[in-house]
Amino acid sequence: MQIRLPLALLIIFNLLSIGCSSRFFNNPFDPEAESGFFKIMKVVPVDTQILDLTFSTDALWIVNENGSIIALNYFDGSPQKRLDFALPARGVAYDGENLWVSVQNSYRIFCLNPLNGALITSFDAPRSQPLVLAYDFPYLYAFDGESNSVFQFNPQEGRIIATFKFRHLKISGIYVEANTIFILDQTEAKIFHYTMSGSLLKSFLTPAIVPSGLTRQNEFFWSADKDQKLYQYKLL
């Protein structure tokens, strides 16, 4: 016997079946959302275009346009170290001990020793082609350009914990802390600060015209610009 459900009930069922682990985030251009500004603390010239970046204890790690993983001196932008990694990197995040690296046109994410580039572990990101990365213990976050979503992973298992879906944004950097997420939008050159439940807390202008990569060092944020500059700034 075949049971036919009314369309309204089918829609409700489909929404419930998605589960609370998949969340749609509020409109970033909500006119009622609070807006903030920035104060530039430092501008550091570099000799390459930067795709993503992250801070370790004593260096600013970048992935450049050639897919190289490089540690920069964040005072003057000079390279300190280049990891010997055979694949073209796309994103990078520091977990307090090691570097997590995504690869161009690949579903695989690698964990590397920042001292010598040795491979520690890797996993395939299910339903995702990861680009820029972020880490906030104990989870790894990856932006997927195919679905315009950020995935929260258990990196030890390679398992998706939650999915954060964004609309109308061209995401070029993410940073996560204190159960909130900062999203860098390249088109608007803005940072959108959300709760993990999807509520927009505030939006900020950034100093870069075409920004990429987003990380934080104490009270200061860092991002790069297409014109080969690094900006250190404070959100106000």
Protein backbone atom coordinates (compact mmCIF):
# COMPACT_ATOMS: atom_id res chain seq x y z
CA MET A 1 0.00 0.00 0.00
CA GLN A 2 1.46 3.38 -1.04
CA ILE A 3 0.86 6.31 1.31
CA ARG A 4 0.76 9.82 -0.19
CA LEU A 5 1.54 12.68 2.13
CA PRO A 6 0.32 16.23 1.55
CA LEU A 7 2.98 18.54 0.10
CA ALA A 8 3.12 20.67 3.25
CA LEU A 9 3.90 17.63 5.38
CA LEU A 10 6.58 16.52 2.94
CA ILE A 11 8.25 19.93 3.15
CA ILE A 12 8.19 19.84 6.97
CA PHE A 13 9.61 16.32 6.96
CA ASN A 14 12.43 17.30 4.59
CA LEU A 15 13.35 20.29 6.74
CA LEU A 16 13.43 18.19 9.88
CA SER A 17 15.51 15.50 8.20
CA ILE A 18 18.29 18.02 7.51
CA GLY A 19 19.00 18.13 11.24
CA CYS A 20 20.32 20.86 13.49
CA SER A 21 23.86 20.31 12.21
CA SER A 22 23.06 22.22 8.99
CA ARG A 23 22.52 25.93 9.58
CA PHE A 24 21.63 28.78 7.24
CA PHE A 25 23.16 32.10 8.25
CA ASN A 26 21.32 35.43 8.32
CA ASN A 27 21.45 37.93 5.48
CA PRO A 28 24.85 39.66 5.75
CA PHE A 29 23.43 42.83 4.20
CA ASP A 30 20.66 43.24 6.77
CA PRO A 31 20.29 47.05 7.14
CA GLU A 32 19.48 46.60 10.84
CA ALA A 33 22.77 44.83 11.57
CA GLU A 34 25.38 46.83 13.47
CA SER A 35 28.37 48.06 11.46
CA GLY A 36 31.92 48.64 12.67
CA PHE A 37 35.16 50.06 11.37
CA PHE A 38 38.88 49.33 11.54
CA LYS A 39 42.08 51.02 12.62
CA ILE A 40 45.19 50.09 10.66
CA MET A 41 48.09 49.21 12.95
CA LYS A 42 50.64 48.10 10.37
CA VAL A 43 51.08 47.62 6.60
CA VAL A 44 53.67 45.03 5.56
CA PRO A 45 54.69 44.72 1.88
CA VAL A 46 55.25 41.20 0.55
CA ASP A 47 56.56 39.94 -2.79
CA THR A 48 53.70 37.54 -3.54
CA GLN A 49 49.92 37.27 -3.57
CA ILE A 50 48.52 35.51 -0.50
CA LEU A 51 45.59 33.07 -0.61
CA ASP A 52 45.35 32.20 3.09
CA LEU A 53 47.25 32.79 6.33
CA THR A 54 47.51 31.74 9.97
CA PHE A 55 49.59 32.57 13.03
CA SER A 56 51.86 30.15 14.84
CA THR A 57 53.78 31.08 17.97
CA ASP A 58 56.49 33.09 16.24
CA ALA A 59 55.60 33.40 12.55
CA LEU A 60 52.86 34.26 10.11
CA TRP A 61 52.29 31.29 7.81
CA ILE A 62 50.93 31.97 4.35
CA VAL A 63 49.88 30.04 1.27
CA ASN A 64 50.79 32.05 -1.81
CA GLU A 65 49.50 32.10 -5.39
CA ASN A 66 51.95 29.35 -6.37
CA GLY A 67 50.69 27.01 -3.65
CA SER A 68 53.80 27.36 -1.50
CA ILE A 69 53.62 27.25 2.31
CA ILE A 70 55.87 29.98 3.73
CA ALA A 71 56.56 31.35 7.21
CA LEU A 72 56.97 35.14 7.15
CA ASN A 73 58.50 37.54 9.62
CA TYR A 74 55.39 39.62 10.35
CA PHE A 75 57.45 42.72 11.14
CA ASP A 76 58.93 43.13 7.66
CA GLY A 77 57.33 40.38 5.50
CA SER A 78 60.61 38.58 4.84
CA PRO A 79 60.39 34.77 4.37
CA GLN A 80 61.78 32.70 7.25
CA LYS A 81 60.99 29.18 6.08
CA ARG A 82 59.39 27.33 3.18
CA LEU A 83 57.91 23.89 3.75
CA ASP A 84 58.83 21.14 1.32
CA PHE A 85 55.35 20.04 0.30
CA ALA A 86 54.86 18.37 -3.08
CA LEU A 87 51.26 19.48 -3.70
CA PRO A 88 49.95 23.00 -4.42
CA ALA A 89 48.47 24.23 -1.14
CA ARG A 90 45.32 26.35 -0.97
CA GLY A 91 44.51 26.98 2.73
CA VAL A 92 46.37 26.80 6.03
CA ALA A 93 45.46 26.78 9.75
CA TYR A 94 47.60 26.34 12.87
CA ASP A 95 46.21 24.17 15.69
CA GLY A 96 48.73 25.15 18.37
CA GLU A 97 51.22 22.49 17.33
CA ASN A 98 50.83 21.56 13.65
CA LEU A 99 49.65 23.04 10.36
CA TRP A 100 46.52 21.86 8.57
CA VAL A 101 46.73 22.38 4.82
CA SER A 102 44.14 22.11 2.05
CA VAL A 103 45.22 21.44 -1.53
CA GLN A 104 44.09 23.04 -4.78
CA ASN A 105 41.47 21.01 -6.67
CA SER A 106 41.49 18.25 -4.05
CA TYR A 107 39.22 16.93 -1.32
CA ARG A 108 42.13 15.95 0.90
CA ILE A 109 43.35 17.89 3.96
CA PHE A 110 46.86 17.31 5.35
CA CYS A 111 48.38 17.80 8.79
CA LEU A 112 52.07 18.80 8.64
CA ASN A 113 54.85 19.32 11.13
CA PRO A 114 55.78 23.04 10.78
CA LEU A 115 59.40 22.34 11.73
CA ASN A 116 60.21 20.04 8.82
CA GLY A 117 57.04 19.60 6.73
CA ALA A 118 56.68 15.93 7.70
CA LEU A 119 53.23 14.45 7.09
CA ILE A 120 51.46 13.57 10.34
CA THR A 121 48.04 12.57 9.02
CA SER A 122 45.49 13.37 6.31
CA PHE A 123 41.84 12.77 5.52
CA ASP A 124 39.35 13.25 2.71
CA ALA A 125 36.84 15.99 3.37
CA PRO A 126 33.44 14.44 2.61
CA ARG A 127 31.12 16.56 0.46
CA SER A 128 33.65 19.35 0.34
CA GLN A 129 36.46 20.81 -1.74
CA PRO A 130 38.17 22.81 1.01
CA LEU A 131 39.73 26.19 0.30
CA VAL A 132 40.57 28.52 3.22
CA LEU A 133 40.87 26.96 6.70
CA ALA A 134 40.58 27.89 10.38
CA TYR A 135 41.10 26.01 13.63
CA ASP A 136 39.53 26.45 17.04
CA PHE A 137 40.16 23.57 19.44
CA PRO A 138 39.11 20.84 18.92
CA TYR A 139 37.60 21.53 15.48
CA LEU A 140 38.93 22.32 12.04
CA TYR A 141 36.88 24.58 9.77
CA ALA A 142 37.03 24.59 5.97
CA PHE A 143 35.26 26.74 3.42
CA ASP A 144 33.88 24.77 0.49
CA GLY A 145 33.61 26.78 -2.70
CA GLU A 146 31.26 24.29 -4.36
CA SER A 147 28.45 24.73 -1.81
CA ASN A 148 29.46 28.14 -0.39
CA SER A 149 29.46 26.53 3.05
CA VAL A 150 31.85 26.26 5.98
CA PHE A 151 32.26 22.73 7.35
CA GLN A 152 33.18 22.03 10.95
CA PHE A 153 35.30 18.87 11.14
CA ASN A 154 36.52 16.53 13.79
CA PRO A 155 40.01 16.37 12.24
CA GLN A 156 40.97 13.18 14.07
CA GLU A 157 38.15 11.31 12.36
CA GLY A 158 37.64 13.40 9.23
CA ARG A 159 33.97 13.64 10.16
CA ILE A 160 31.69 16.63 9.55
CA ILE A 161 30.18 17.92 12.80
CA ALA A 162 28.20 20.86 11.41
CA THR A 163 27.61 22.78 8.19
CA PHE A 164 27.27 26.57 8.05
CA LYS A 165 25.64 27.74 4.84
CA PHE A 166 26.26 31.26 3.54
CA ARG A 167 24.49 33.06 0.73
CA HIS A 168 25.53 36.10 -1.30
CA LEU A 169 29.15 36.01 -0.06
CA LYS A 170 32.43 35.35 -1.85
CA ILE A 171 34.35 33.94 1.11
CA SER A 172 38.13 34.40 1.07
CA GLY A 173 38.98 33.96 4.76
CA ILE A 174 37.56 32.53 8.00
CA TYR A 175 38.51 32.82 11.64
CA VAL A 176 36.80 31.08 14.58
CA GLU A 177 36.97 31.75 18.31
CA ALA A 178 34.72 31.81 21.41
CA ASN A 179 31.92 29.98 19.60
CA THR A 180 31.66 32.70 16.94
CA ILE A 181 32.86 32.83 13.35
CA PHE A 182 34.35 35.71 11.35
CA ILE A 183 33.75 35.55 7.59
CA LEU A 184 35.83 37.62 5.16
CA ASP A 185 33.88 38.54 2.03
CA GLN A 186 36.09 39.43 -0.92
CA THR A 187 33.41 41.17 -2.99
CA GLU A 188 32.31 43.63 -0.31
CA ALA A 189 35.75 43.78 1.42
CA LYS A 190 33.97 43.22 4.72
CA ILE A 191 34.17 40.92 7.73
CA PHE A 192 30.89 39.48 8.99
CA HIS A 193 30.85 38.26 12.59
CA TYR A 194 28.29 35.55 13.35
CA THR A 195 27.26 33.36 16.22
CA MET A 196 27.44 29.62 15.50
CA SER A 197 23.65 29.55 15.37
CA GLY A 198 23.69 31.94 12.40
CA SER A 199 22.87 35.32 13.95
CA LEU A 200 24.82 38.26 12.54
CA LEU A 201 26.51 40.15 15.38
CA LYS A 202 28.28 42.87 13.44
CA SER A 203 29.94 43.67 10.12
CA PHE A 204 33.19 45.53 9.58
CA LEU A 205 34.95 47.19 6.69
CA THR A 206 38.51 46.00 6.02
CA PRO A 207 41.53 47.98 4.79
CA ALA A 208 42.16 45.68 1.81
CA ILE A 209 40.46 46.33 -1.53
CA VAL A 210 40.50 42.65 -2.59
CA PRO A 211 41.10 40.86 0.73
CA SER A 212 42.14 37.24 1.24
CA GLY A 213 43.00 35.19 4.31
CA LEU A 214 41.93 36.05 7.83
CA THR A 215 43.65 35.36 11.15
CA ARG A 216 44.11 36.98 14.53
CA GLN A 217 47.10 37.75 16.74
CA ASN A 218 45.92 38.78 20.19
CA GLU A 219 43.64 41.80 19.65
CA PHE A 220 44.72 42.39 16.04
CA PHE A 221 43.40 40.86 12.83
CA TRP A 222 45.51 40.20 9.76
CA SER A 223 44.50 39.81 6.13
CA ALA A 224 46.21 40.23 2.78
CA ASP A 225 45.40 42.29 -0.29
CA LYS A 226 45.76 41.47 -3.96
CA ASP A 227 48.28 44.30 -4.33
CA GLN A 228 50.81 42.26 -2.26
CA LYS A 229 50.31 43.86 1.13
CA LEU A 230 49.58 42.50 4.58
CA TYR A 231 47.37 44.51 6.90
CA GLN A 232 47.35 44.33 10.67
CA TYR A 233 44.27 46.10 12.00
CA LYS A 234 41.94 46.43 14.94
CA LEU A 235 38.19 46.07 14.58
CA LEU A 236 36.25 48.85 16.27
